[in-house]
Amino acid sequence: MSRNEELFARAQRVIPAGVNSPVRAFRSVGGTPRFFTRGEGAWLWDADGRRYIDYVGSWGPAILGHAHPTVVEAVRATALQGLSFGAPTEIEIELAETLIRRLPSLDLVRLVSSGTEATMSALRLARGHTGRSKIVKFEGCYHGHGDSLLVKAGSGALTFGQPSSAGVPPAIANETIVLPYNDLAAVERTFEAEGDAIACVIVEPVAGNMNLVMPKPGFLDGLRAVCDRHGAVLIFDEVMTGFRVDANSAQGLFGITPDLTTLGKVIGGGMPVAAFGGKRAIMEKIAPLGPVYQAGTLSGNPVAVAAGLATLAATGVPGFYDRLAKSTRALTDGLVAAAKRAGIPFCAQSLGGMFGLYFAAAVPDTYDAVMACDRERFNRFFHAMLDAGIYLAPSAYEAGFVSAAHGEAEIAATVAAADAAFSTL
């Protein structure tokens, strides 16, 4: 029995399914999860000592690569001063100032510890600000595991074929209106019928939790216009896309100003940091300034914030995102060419440091199109690549990530592995 198998068996005795986040269980693709012992740059090492080129990147945060020296030193130096105080620190002000400087839509920011916490708080704030109860979300978009949001959600909920969750009361689910992603006409019809009851629209400006799905031209602009007409709050969930697709995130890339933004992943550099922020008139409704309560013992934790600040500083270097996007395009172009050589129906796309792989004839732009992709062929491809030392997301419904540490050698090795893998499909 391998060390990975031993650890998985041990984990299942004390942790549900042996994992602390569902997709890690490999149930969608089958086989034994890899238990990683260390990472460096673009590489990971598992418990059996095998090395992998990593395209998960801790699900997005590792934009600089693993164990980046500047980030590690920032964490070490801050930890030596104390791990947590439960009181204000100067470093959390610095992170808030950095976020506001880089995203003009933010007037005020509140730091929290997870993306789920950020989206839950943003929804409560939107409801408190408008005095309305209903929310609009989109099929296949994942915004964390808050009750209101686990209705036709993406990410692990799709991986296991469970678009909703047990334990969510019908009364709460009934306050969530789920519409097709990229269908602006459906949004407009819904607001015409129920606009007075809708507090907000929450959307991934670039969907990354039903694989990578880009917004159609006019979709995000249309959401902005509909929310303006009906007095609803527009929330961009940029937990994944924030500082991943562009220096100014998806909202800067597409030129749309949301009312509220949720952030995570990259802003913590691999540590548990997230945030929500936006217009002053809305954010001032948060306690202790206003009646919408939100709190967190470890919010603004100095060690985690130090990792985030160091990461954001490194991504602020001129040309960083151009180089990252170039590497990601080289990967997707190489994979498409390899599939073509093997005669396999396959396509791919990328944005910044994110990419999507699809076993389909055309890049999907809707939830239904994603669901029509060949999942079984993806599973075989995943295992062939894993055996070749390439670690992709263990699900056909997750975006992938490239870091600044992925160089020409890593991209070339990945494409070579794909050539061999496609030939077996």
Protein backbone atom coordinates (compact mmCIF):
# COMPACT_ATOMS: atom_id res chain seq x y z
CA MET A 1 0.00 0.00 0.00
CA SER A 2 1.34 3.44 -0.91
CA ARG A 3 1.81 6.15 1.68
CA ASN A 4 -1.02 8.13 0.02
CA GLU A 5 -3.35 5.14 0.43
CA GLU A 6 -2.31 4.67 4.05
CA LEU A 7 -3.01 8.33 4.84
CA PHE A 8 -6.36 8.24 3.05
CA ALA A 9 -7.46 5.17 5.01
CA ARG A 10 -6.36 6.80 8.25
CA ALA A 11 -8.09 10.09 7.38
CA GLN A 12 -11.40 8.37 6.64
CA ARG A 13 -11.49 7.04 10.20
CA VAL A 14 -11.56 10.54 11.69
CA ILE A 15 -12.66 12.98 8.93
CA PRO A 16 -15.85 12.64 6.82
CA ALA A 17 -14.74 10.98 3.55
CA GLY A 18 -11.17 11.65 4.67
CA VAL A 19 -11.11 15.25 3.45
CA ASN A 20 -11.93 18.72 4.70
CA SER A 21 -13.33 20.01 1.40
CA PRO A 22 -15.37 17.66 -0.82
CA VAL A 23 -13.62 17.80 -4.22
CA ARG A 24 -10.37 16.69 -2.59
CA ALA A 25 -11.86 13.21 -2.09
CA PHE A 26 -11.34 12.38 -5.81
CA ARG A 27 -14.85 10.86 -5.91
CA SER A 28 -15.62 12.53 -9.23
CA VAL A 29 -12.52 11.11 -10.93
CA GLY A 30 -11.96 8.01 -8.80
CA GLY A 31 -8.75 6.84 -7.18
CA THR A 32 -6.78 7.93 -4.15
CA PRO A 33 -6.26 11.60 -3.30
CA ARG A 34 -2.70 12.83 -3.18
CA PHE A 35 -1.52 13.96 0.25
CA PHE A 36 1.05 16.67 -0.34
CA THR A 37 4.05 17.23 1.89
CA ARG A 38 5.60 20.30 0.31
CA GLY A 39 5.51 22.71 -2.60
CA GLU A 40 8.07 24.89 -4.32
CA GLY A 41 7.40 27.15 -7.28
CA ALA A 42 5.26 25.30 -9.82
CA TRP A 43 5.86 21.92 -8.17
CA LEU A 44 4.30 19.75 -5.47
CA TRP A 45 5.62 16.60 -3.75
CA ASP A 46 3.26 13.96 -2.37
CA ALA A 47 3.59 11.58 0.55
CA ASP A 48 5.16 8.94 -1.70
CA GLY A 49 7.86 11.38 -2.80
CA ARG A 50 6.44 11.86 -6.32
CA ARG A 51 6.75 15.28 -7.92
CA TYR A 52 3.97 17.02 -9.86
CA ILE A 53 3.58 20.19 -11.90
CA ASP A 54 0.69 21.86 -10.11
CA TYR A 55 -2.23 23.51 -11.93
CA VAL A 56 -4.52 23.77 -8.88
CA GLY A 57 -2.43 26.30 -6.97
CA SER A 58 -4.43 25.83 -3.75
CA TRP A 59 -7.50 26.60 -5.94
CA GLY A 60 -6.12 29.97 -6.99
CA PRO A 61 -4.17 31.70 -4.22
CA ALA A 62 -0.70 30.49 -5.25
CA ILE A 63 -0.34 33.04 -8.03
CA LEU A 64 3.39 33.44 -7.30
CA GLY A 65 3.95 29.70 -6.96
CA HIS A 66 4.43 27.71 -3.78
CA ALA A 67 6.63 28.85 -0.89
CA HIS A 68 7.56 32.13 -2.56
CA PRO A 69 10.52 33.46 -0.52
CA THR A 70 9.10 36.97 -0.07
CA VAL A 71 5.75 35.66 1.16
CA VAL A 72 7.33 33.10 3.47
CA GLU A 73 9.61 35.75 4.98
CA ALA A 74 6.67 38.12 5.52
CA VAL A 75 4.80 35.37 7.36
CA ARG A 76 7.83 34.43 9.45
CA ALA A 77 8.65 37.99 10.47
CA THR A 78 5.04 38.73 11.44
CA ALA A 79 4.56 35.45 13.32
CA LEU A 80 7.55 36.25 15.50
CA GLN A 81 5.62 39.26 16.80
CA GLY A 82 2.56 37.18 17.74
CA LEU A 83 -0.01 35.09 15.89
CA SER A 84 -3.24 36.85 16.78
CA PHE A 85 -4.44 39.62 19.08
CA GLY A 86 -8.18 39.93 18.57
CA ALA A 87 -7.59 43.67 18.31
CA PRO A 88 -6.80 46.16 15.54
CA THR A 89 -3.36 46.18 13.90
CA GLU A 90 -1.71 48.54 11.46
CA ILE A 91 -1.11 45.79 8.91
CA GLU A 92 -4.84 45.20 8.37
CA ILE A 93 -5.21 48.90 7.51
CA GLU A 94 -2.44 48.49 4.95
CA LEU A 95 -4.26 45.61 3.27
CA ALA A 96 -7.54 47.54 3.17
CA GLU A 97 -5.75 50.57 1.72
CA THR A 98 -4.10 48.35 -0.91
CA LEU A 99 -7.42 46.83 -1.98
CA ILE A 100 -9.11 50.24 -2.19
CA ARG A 101 -6.23 51.65 -4.20
CA ARG A 102 -6.37 48.81 -6.73
CA LEU A 103 -10.17 48.54 -7.01
CA PRO A 104 -11.85 51.94 -7.43
CA SER A 105 -15.28 50.41 -6.69
CA LEU A 106 -14.26 50.01 -3.04
CA ASP A 107 -14.83 52.91 -0.63
CA LEU A 108 -14.71 50.79 2.51
CA VAL A 109 -13.56 47.20 3.12
CA ARG A 110 -14.21 44.70 5.90
CA LEU A 111 -11.72 41.82 6.26
CA VAL A 112 -12.93 38.30 7.03
CA SER A 113 -11.38 34.82 6.95
CA SER A 114 -13.01 32.95 4.04
CA GLY A 115 -14.77 33.51 0.75
CA THR A 116 -17.94 31.95 2.14
CA GLU A 117 -17.88 34.42 5.03
CA ALA A 118 -17.42 37.30 2.59
CA THR A 119 -20.35 36.33 0.36
CA MET A 120 -22.66 35.54 3.29
CA SER A 121 -21.90 38.96 4.77
CA ALA A 122 -22.37 40.74 1.44
CA LEU A 123 -25.79 39.16 1.00
CA ARG A 124 -26.89 40.12 4.50
CA LEU A 125 -25.63 43.63 3.89
CA ALA A 126 -27.51 43.93 0.59
CA ARG A 127 -30.70 42.75 2.27
CA GLY A 128 -30.20 45.13 5.18
CA HIS A 129 -29.48 48.03 2.86
CA THR A 130 -32.49 47.51 0.59
CA GLY A 131 -34.99 46.09 3.07
CA ARG A 132 -35.72 43.31 0.55
CA SER A 133 -35.29 39.57 0.97
CA LYS A 134 -34.88 37.87 -2.41
CA ILE A 135 -31.55 37.36 -4.17
CA VAL A 136 -30.70 36.43 -7.75
CA LYS A 137 -27.84 34.03 -8.47
CA PHE A 138 -26.88 32.03 -11.54
CA GLU A 139 -26.93 28.33 -12.26
CA GLY A 140 -23.51 26.77 -11.79
CA CYS A 141 -22.01 29.75 -9.97
CA TYR A 142 -20.61 28.88 -6.55
CA HIS A 143 -20.45 31.52 -3.84
CA GLY A 144 -19.54 29.45 -0.80
CA HIS A 145 -21.67 27.17 1.31
CA GLY A 146 -24.07 29.68 2.86
CA ASP A 147 -27.67 28.44 2.96
CA SER A 148 -29.02 31.01 0.50
CA LEU A 149 -26.36 30.11 -2.04
CA LEU A 150 -26.49 26.32 -2.13
CA VAL A 151 -29.19 26.27 -4.76
CA LYS A 152 -27.98 24.97 -8.14
CA ALA A 153 -24.44 25.83 -7.09
CA GLY A 154 -21.19 25.06 -8.82
CA SER A 155 -17.89 23.59 -7.59
CA GLY A 156 -18.22 20.50 -5.38
CA ALA A 157 -22.01 20.59 -5.59
CA LEU A 158 -21.71 19.94 -9.32
CA THR A 159 -18.91 17.44 -8.93
CA PHE A 160 -21.15 15.18 -6.85
CA GLY A 161 -24.29 15.78 -8.90
CA GLN A 162 -25.98 17.59 -6.02
CA PRO A 163 -26.99 21.08 -7.16
CA SER A 164 -28.50 21.76 -3.74
CA SER A 165 -27.73 20.68 -0.18
CA ALA A 166 -29.67 18.86 2.48
CA GLY A 167 -30.14 21.02 5.55
CA VAL A 168 -31.15 24.14 3.64
CA PRO A 169 -34.72 24.98 4.75
CA PRO A 170 -37.20 25.47 1.89
CA ALA A 171 -38.12 28.88 3.31
CA ILE A 172 -34.53 30.04 2.76
CA ALA A 173 -34.16 28.39 -0.64
CA ASN A 174 -37.38 30.07 -1.75
CA GLU A 175 -35.73 33.46 -1.29
CA THR A 176 -33.11 32.55 -3.93
CA ILE A 177 -33.97 32.98 -7.60
CA VAL A 178 -31.69 30.92 -9.86
CA LEU A 179 -31.29 32.01 -13.49
CA PRO A 180 -29.15 30.76 -16.40
CA TYR A 181 -25.70 32.32 -16.53
CA ASN A 182 -25.28 34.61 -19.56
CA ASP A 183 -29.07 34.91 -20.07
CA LEU A 184 -29.73 38.63 -19.67
CA ALA A 185 -33.28 38.33 -21.02
CA ALA A 186 -34.16 36.00 -18.14
CA VAL A 187 -32.80 38.55 -15.68
CA GLU A 188 -34.86 41.33 -17.20
CA ARG A 189 -38.05 39.23 -17.13
CA THR A 190 -37.45 38.30 -13.50
CA PHE A 191 -36.97 41.89 -12.43
CA GLU A 192 -40.06 42.99 -14.28
CA ALA A 193 -42.04 40.42 -12.31
CA GLU A 194 -40.35 40.61 -8.89
CA GLY A 195 -38.00 43.61 -8.92
CA ASP A 196 -39.50 45.23 -5.83
CA ALA A 197 -38.60 42.16 -3.75
CA ILE A 198 -35.05 41.58 -5.07
CA ALA A 199 -32.27 42.84 -2.83
CA CYS A 200 -29.32 41.93 -5.04
CA VAL A 201 -27.79 40.06 -7.92
CA ILE A 202 -24.66 38.07 -7.06
CA VAL A 203 -22.52 36.82 -9.92
CA GLU A 204 -19.08 35.48 -10.70
CA PRO A 205 -18.09 37.99 -13.42
CA VAL A 206 -16.10 35.13 -14.91
CA ALA A 207 -17.52 31.82 -13.75
CA GLY A 208 -14.86 29.48 -12.41
CA ASN A 209 -16.84 26.89 -10.52
CA MET A 210 -18.55 25.13 -13.43
CA ASN A 211 -15.20 25.17 -15.23
CA LEU A 212 -14.18 28.50 -16.77
CA VAL A 213 -17.14 30.23 -18.45
CA MET A 214 -16.73 33.74 -19.81
CA PRO A 215 -19.49 36.35 -19.72
CA LYS A 216 -21.09 37.03 -23.08
CA PRO A 217 -20.64 40.58 -24.43
CA GLY A 218 -23.21 42.83 -22.76
CA PHE A 219 -24.12 40.41 -19.96
CA LEU A 220 -22.33 42.19 -17.12
CA ASP A 221 -23.26 45.63 -18.46
CA GLY A 222 -26.86 44.47 -18.61
CA LEU A 223 -26.78 43.32 -14.98
CA ARG A 224 -25.48 46.74 -13.96
CA ALA A 225 -28.29 48.47 -15.87
CA VAL A 226 -31.03 46.21 -14.47
CA CYS A 227 -29.86 46.69 -10.89
CA ASP A 228 -29.74 50.46 -11.39
CA ARG A 229 -33.29 50.53 -12.76
CA HIS A 230 -34.73 48.52 -9.88
CA GLY A 231 -32.63 49.73 -6.96
CA ALA A 232 -30.96 46.34 -6.38
CA VAL A 233 -27.37 45.82 -5.25
CA LEU A 234 -24.96 44.31 -7.80
CA ILE A 235 -22.42 42.02 -6.10
CA PHE A 236 -19.38 40.76 -7.99
CA ASP A 237 -18.02 37.61 -6.39
CA GLU A 238 -14.34 37.99 -7.19
CA VAL A 239 -13.11 35.52 -4.60
CA MET A 240 -11.59 33.56 -7.48
CA THR A 241 -11.05 36.22 -10.16
CA GLY A 242 -9.83 38.98 -7.83
CA PHE A 243 -6.23 39.83 -8.84
CA ARG A 244 -6.12 36.53 -10.76
CA VAL A 245 -7.30 37.64 -14.18
CA ASP A 246 -5.98 41.20 -14.14
CA ALA A 247 -4.27 43.75 -11.92
CA ASN A 248 -7.69 45.35 -11.36
CA SER A 249 -9.59 42.06 -11.25
CA ALA A 250 -12.50 41.17 -13.56
CA GLN A 251 -14.33 44.41 -12.83
CA GLY A 252 -11.38 46.41 -14.13
CA LEU A 253 -10.92 44.13 -17.11
CA PHE A 254 -14.57 44.50 -18.20
CA GLY A 255 -15.04 48.08 -17.05
CA ILE A 256 -18.01 47.40 -14.75
CA THR A 257 -18.43 48.96 -11.29
CA PRO A 258 -20.31 46.70 -8.86
CA ASP A 259 -21.91 48.00 -5.66
CA LEU A 260 -20.23 45.33 -3.54
CA THR A 261 -17.28 43.04 -4.20
CA THR A 262 -16.20 39.88 -2.41
CA LEU A 263 -12.54 38.89 -2.48
CA GLY A 264 -10.41 35.99 -1.27
CA LYS A 265 -7.75 33.54 -2.41
CA VAL A 266 -5.02 35.78 -3.93
CA ILE A 267 -5.49 38.51 -1.31
CA GLY A 268 -4.37 35.98 1.30
CA GLY A 269 -1.51 34.51 -0.70
CA GLY A 270 -2.43 31.02 0.54
CA MET A 271 -3.46 32.07 4.03
CA PRO A 272 -7.12 32.42 5.18
CA VAL A 273 -7.98 36.01 4.27
CA ALA A 274 -11.06 37.31 2.44
CA ALA A 275 -12.90 40.61 2.26
CA PHE A 276 -16.05 42.35 1.16
CA GLY A 277 -16.34 46.00 0.32
CA GLY A 278 -17.97 48.60 -1.86
CA LYS A 279 -19.92 51.82 -1.80
CA ARG A 280 -19.68 53.87 1.38
CA ALA A 281 -23.47 54.28 1.68
CA ILE A 282 -23.86 50.51 1.76
CA MET A 283 -20.80 49.61 3.82
CA GLU A 284 -21.75 52.08 6.54
CA LYS A 285 -24.75 49.84 7.29
CA ILE A 286 -22.32 47.29 8.80
CA ALA A 287 -21.99 47.17 12.59
CA PRO A 288 -20.89 49.08 14.58
CA LEU A 289 -21.81 51.94 12.21
CA GLY A 290 -25.13 50.41 11.21
CA PRO A 291 -27.68 47.71 12.01
CA VAL A 292 -26.26 44.83 9.91
CA TYR A 293 -24.25 42.64 12.25
CA GLN A 294 -21.04 40.88 11.23
CA ALA A 295 -18.03 39.85 13.30
CA GLY A 296 -15.11 37.41 13.29
CA THR A 297 -12.53 36.53 15.94
CA LEU A 298 -9.68 36.02 13.47
CA SER A 299 -10.71 38.64 10.92
CA GLY A 300 -7.67 40.63 9.85
CA ASN A 301 -5.27 38.10 11.38
CA PRO A 302 -1.83 39.75 11.09
CA VAL A 303 0.07 36.67 9.89
CA ALA A 304 -2.46 35.94 7.14
CA VAL A 305 -2.66 39.60 6.16
CA ALA A 306 1.14 39.73 5.86
CA ALA A 307 1.03 36.90 3.32
CA GLY A 308 -1.64 38.72 1.35
CA LEU A 309 0.20 42.02 1.32
CA ALA A 310 3.43 40.40 0.14
CA THR A 311 1.56 38.57 -2.63
CA LEU A 312 -0.25 41.66 -3.85
CA ALA A 313 3.00 43.64 -3.84
CA ALA A 314 4.67 41.04 -6.04
CA THR A 315 1.78 41.03 -8.51
CA GLY A 316 1.99 44.81 -8.78
CA VAL A 317 5.27 44.68 -10.70
CA PRO A 318 4.86 46.06 -14.26
CA GLY A 319 4.24 43.33 -16.80
CA PHE A 320 3.33 40.69 -14.20
CA TYR A 321 -0.13 39.95 -15.60
CA ASP A 322 1.02 40.10 -19.21
CA ARG A 323 3.62 37.42 -18.49
CA LEU A 324 1.12 35.33 -16.53
CA ALA A 325 -1.46 35.50 -19.32
CA LYS A 326 1.17 34.58 -21.91
CA SER A 327 2.17 31.46 -19.99
CA THR A 328 -1.47 30.43 -19.54
CA ARG A 329 -2.20 30.90 -23.25
CA ALA A 330 0.87 28.84 -24.12
CA LEU A 331 -0.51 26.04 -21.97
CA THR A 332 -3.99 26.07 -23.47
CA ASP A 333 -2.71 26.46 -27.04
CA GLY A 334 -0.36 23.54 -26.50
CA LEU A 335 -3.09 21.31 -25.09
CA VAL A 336 -5.48 22.13 -27.94
CA ALA A 337 -2.76 21.32 -30.48
CA ALA A 338 -2.01 18.01 -28.72
CA ALA A 339 -5.69 17.02 -28.77
CA LYS A 340 -5.93 17.92 -32.46
CA ARG A 341 -2.95 15.68 -33.24
CA ALA A 342 -4.80 12.81 -31.52
CA GLY A 343 -8.15 13.61 -33.14
CA ILE A 344 -9.85 14.18 -29.79
CA PRO A 345 -12.78 16.66 -29.52
CA PHE A 346 -11.29 19.15 -27.08
CA CYS A 347 -11.02 22.90 -26.59
CA ALA A 348 -9.63 25.31 -24.01
CA GLN A 349 -9.57 28.98 -23.12
CA SER A 350 -7.80 31.22 -20.62
CA LEU A 351 -8.03 34.60 -18.96
CA GLY A 352 -5.10 35.97 -17.01
CA GLY A 353 -3.87 33.10 -14.84
CA MET A 354 -7.07 31.03 -15.13
CA PHE A 355 -7.90 28.40 -17.73
CA GLY A 356 -10.64 25.96 -18.67
CA LEU A 357 -10.37 22.57 -20.39
CA TYR A 358 -13.38 21.06 -22.12
CA PHE A 359 -13.90 17.73 -23.85
CA ALA A 360 -16.27 19.29 -26.35
CA ALA A 361 -16.20 20.65 -29.88
CA ALA A 362 -16.73 24.27 -28.77
CA VAL A 363 -15.99 26.35 -25.69
CA PRO A 364 -19.13 26.35 -23.51
CA ASP A 365 -20.78 29.62 -22.51
CA THR A 366 -23.70 28.22 -20.51
CA TYR A 367 -24.25 25.77 -17.67
CA ASP A 368 -26.03 23.34 -20.01
CA ALA A 369 -23.11 23.42 -22.45
CA VAL A 370 -20.69 22.65 -19.61
CA MET A 371 -22.86 19.71 -18.53
CA ALA A 372 -22.76 18.36 -22.09
CA CYS A 373 -18.96 18.01 -22.05
CA ASP A 374 -17.54 14.47 -21.95
CA ARG A 375 -16.91 13.98 -18.23
CA GLU A 376 -15.79 10.36 -18.53
CA ARG A 377 -13.13 11.26 -21.08
CA PHE A 378 -11.95 14.05 -18.76
CA ASN A 379 -11.62 11.52 -15.92
CA ARG A 380 -9.41 9.26 -18.05
CA PHE A 381 -7.34 12.25 -19.14
CA PHE A 382 -6.99 13.38 -15.52
CA HIS A 383 -5.54 10.05 -14.42
CA ALA A 384 -3.22 9.78 -17.41
CA MET A 385 -1.86 13.23 -16.62
CA LEU A 386 -1.61 12.45 -12.91
CA ASP A 387 0.41 9.33 -13.68
CA ALA A 388 2.69 11.53 -15.81
CA GLY A 389 3.26 13.95 -12.93
CA ILE A 390 0.75 16.66 -13.87
CA TYR A 391 -1.70 17.67 -11.14
CA LEU A 392 -4.96 19.05 -12.54
CA ALA A 393 -8.14 19.80 -10.60
CA PRO A 394 -9.81 16.45 -9.78
CA SER A 395 -13.10 17.52 -11.34
CA ALA A 396 -14.37 18.37 -14.81
CA TYR A 397 -16.15 21.38 -13.30
CA GLU A 398 -13.28 23.42 -11.95
CA ALA A 399 -11.08 26.06 -13.56
CA GLY A 400 -7.32 25.59 -13.50
CA PHE A 401 -4.58 28.00 -12.47
CA VAL A 402 -1.12 28.92 -13.70
CA SER A 403 1.39 30.73 -11.49
CA ALA A 404 4.26 33.07 -12.19
CA ALA A 405 6.55 30.15 -11.38
CA HIS A 406 5.34 28.12 -14.37
CA GLY A 407 8.04 28.60 -17.00
CA GLU A 408 8.57 27.34 -20.52
CA ALA A 409 9.99 24.05 -19.25
CA GLU A 410 6.92 23.27 -17.14
CA ILE A 411 4.54 24.20 -19.95
CA ALA A 412 6.48 22.07 -22.45
CA ALA A 413 6.52 19.09 -20.07
CA THR A 414 2.76 19.42 -19.57
CA VAL A 415 2.06 19.49 -23.31
CA ALA A 416 4.32 16.47 -23.83
CA ALA A 417 2.40 14.58 -21.14
CA ALA A 418 -0.87 15.59 -22.81
CA ASP A 419 0.34 14.26 -26.17
CA ALA A 420 0.78 10.86 -24.56
CA ALA A 421 -2.46 11.09 -22.58
CA PHE A 422 -4.64 12.07 -25.56
CA SER A 423 -3.28 9.13 -27.52
CA THR A 424 -4.83 6.75 -24.94
CA LEU A 425 -8.32 8.28 -25.04
